[in-house]
């Protein structure tokens, strides 16, 4: 007769390690990955209403790059930091899926 042995695993919460039990569902989840700070991706699917930037344009932090329409809501996508636009992968009227790379920054 096999004994059901439980294995405690380290788990970080606010950089403090705890030992805890985990489930199979938790172990098989999609792992979190750091996003590329040079890529601006869509977080929801939608349609492009307006694009305000073009390649090689110098843009300040907080400037509006484009307006995305999703579920009848207009969302302004802003520049996260000062930089130069390397590539614009969409145009006015395009429909984009979730996680699409919209703009690349140099």
Protein backbone atom coordinates (compact mmCIF):
# COMPACT_ATOMS: atom_id res chain seq x y z
CA UNK A 1 0.00 0.00 0.00
CA UNK A 2 1.49 3.30 -1.13
CA UNK A 3 1.40 6.21 1.21
CA UNK A 4 0.23 9.54 -0.20
CA UNK A 5 3.30 11.72 0.37
CA UNK A 6 2.77 15.47 0.07
CA UNK A 7 5.60 17.60 -1.20
CA UNK A 8 5.97 21.19 -0.05
CA UNK A 9 7.37 23.57 -2.67
CA UNK A 10 8.89 27.04 -2.30
CA UNK A 11 6.51 29.84 -3.28
CA UNK A 12 7.52 33.54 -3.43
CA UNK A 13 5.16 36.25 -2.21
CA UNK A 14 6.64 39.77 -2.26
CA UNK A 15 10.13 38.21 -2.48
CA UNK A 16 9.54 36.19 0.73
CA UNK A 17 9.77 32.40 0.27
CA UNK A 18 7.06 30.20 1.79
CA UNK A 19 6.72 26.41 1.70
CA UNK A 20 3.31 25.35 0.46
CA UNK A 21 1.38 22.57 -1.27
CA UNK A 22 0.40 23.11 -4.89
CA UNK A 23 -2.19 21.50 -7.14
CA UNK A 24 -1.67 19.81 -10.53
CA UNK A 25 -3.62 22.67 -12.16
CA UNK A 26 -1.20 25.20 -10.65
CA UNK A 27 1.85 23.19 -11.76
CA UNK A 28 0.53 22.91 -15.35
CA UNK A 29 -0.43 26.59 -15.73
CA UNK A 30 1.10 28.84 -18.38
CA UNK A 31 4.16 30.41 -16.75
CA UNK A 32 4.46 34.21 -16.60
CA UNK A 33 7.05 35.75 -18.91
CA UNK A 34 8.54 39.23 -18.80
CA UNK A 35 7.31 41.26 -21.79
CA UNK A 36 9.75 42.98 -24.12
CA UNK A 37 9.90 46.70 -23.15
CA UNK A 38 10.69 47.61 -26.77
CA UNK A 39 7.37 46.22 -28.04
CA UNK A 40 3.91 47.69 -27.49
CA UNK A 41 1.37 44.86 -27.77
CA UNK A 42 -2.42 44.89 -27.73
CA UNK A 43 -3.91 43.61 -24.49
CA UNK A 44 -7.36 43.15 -26.06
CA UNK A 45 -8.55 42.59 -29.64
CA UNK A 46 -9.96 45.61 -31.42
CA UNK A 47 -9.93 48.02 -34.36
CA UNK A 48 -7.45 50.83 -34.95
CA UNK A 49 -9.23 54.19 -35.00
CA UNK A 50 -6.21 56.46 -35.53
CA UNK A 51 -2.39 56.16 -35.63
CA UNK A 52 -0.43 59.27 -34.61
CA UNK A 53 3.18 58.10 -35.13
CA UNK A 54 5.41 56.88 -37.94
CA UNK A 55 8.80 55.14 -38.08
CA UNK A 56 11.88 57.16 -36.99
CA UNK A 57 9.70 59.67 -35.13
CA UNK A 58 11.00 60.93 -31.75
CA UNK A 59 8.26 60.52 -29.10
CA UNK A 60 8.11 61.70 -25.49
CA UNK A 61 6.76 59.61 -22.62
CA UNK A 62 2.98 59.90 -22.29
CA UNK A 63 2.36 60.93 -25.91
CA UNK A 64 -0.60 59.18 -27.54
CA UNK A 65 0.60 56.68 -30.15
CA UNK A 66 -2.76 55.40 -31.37
CA UNK A 67 -6.40 54.96 -30.45
CA UNK A 68 -7.81 51.44 -30.28
CA UNK A 69 -11.54 50.67 -30.31
CA UNK A 70 -12.64 47.56 -28.44
CA UNK A 71 -16.18 46.75 -27.33
CA UNK A 72 -17.27 50.32 -28.18
CA UNK A 73 -14.60 51.81 -25.93
CA UNK A 74 -11.80 53.99 -27.28
CA UNK A 75 -8.46 53.36 -25.59
CA UNK A 76 -5.50 55.71 -25.96
CA UNK A 77 -2.22 53.79 -26.20
CA UNK A 78 0.54 56.01 -24.79
CA UNK A 79 4.33 55.95 -25.07
CA UNK A 80 5.76 54.36 -21.89
CA UNK A 81 9.09 56.27 -22.04
CA UNK A 82 11.02 58.68 -24.28
CA UNK A 83 12.22 57.00 -27.46
CA UNK A 84 12.21 56.65 -31.23
CA UNK A 85 9.63 54.60 -33.12
CA UNK A 86 11.28 51.77 -35.06
CA UNK A 87 8.26 50.12 -36.65
CA UNK A 88 4.49 50.64 -36.86
CA UNK A 89 2.77 47.32 -37.63
CA UNK A 90 -0.77 48.61 -38.19
CA UNK A 91 -2.78 51.24 -39.99
CA UNK A 92 -6.07 53.06 -39.50
CA UNK A 93 -8.98 50.61 -39.84
CA UNK A 94 -6.97 47.44 -39.13
CA UNK A 95 -8.48 44.80 -36.85
CA UNK A 96 -5.90 43.38 -34.45
CA UNK A 97 -5.96 40.30 -32.20
CA UNK A 98 -4.93 40.12 -28.55
CA UNK A 99 -1.13 40.17 -27.99
CA UNK A 100 -0.36 41.54 -31.48
CA UNK A 101 2.81 43.65 -31.67
CA UNK A 102 1.50 47.09 -32.64
CA UNK A 103 4.62 49.29 -32.34
CA UNK A 104 8.31 48.55 -31.90
CA UNK A 105 10.60 51.11 -30.21
CA UNK A 106 14.33 51.56 -30.93
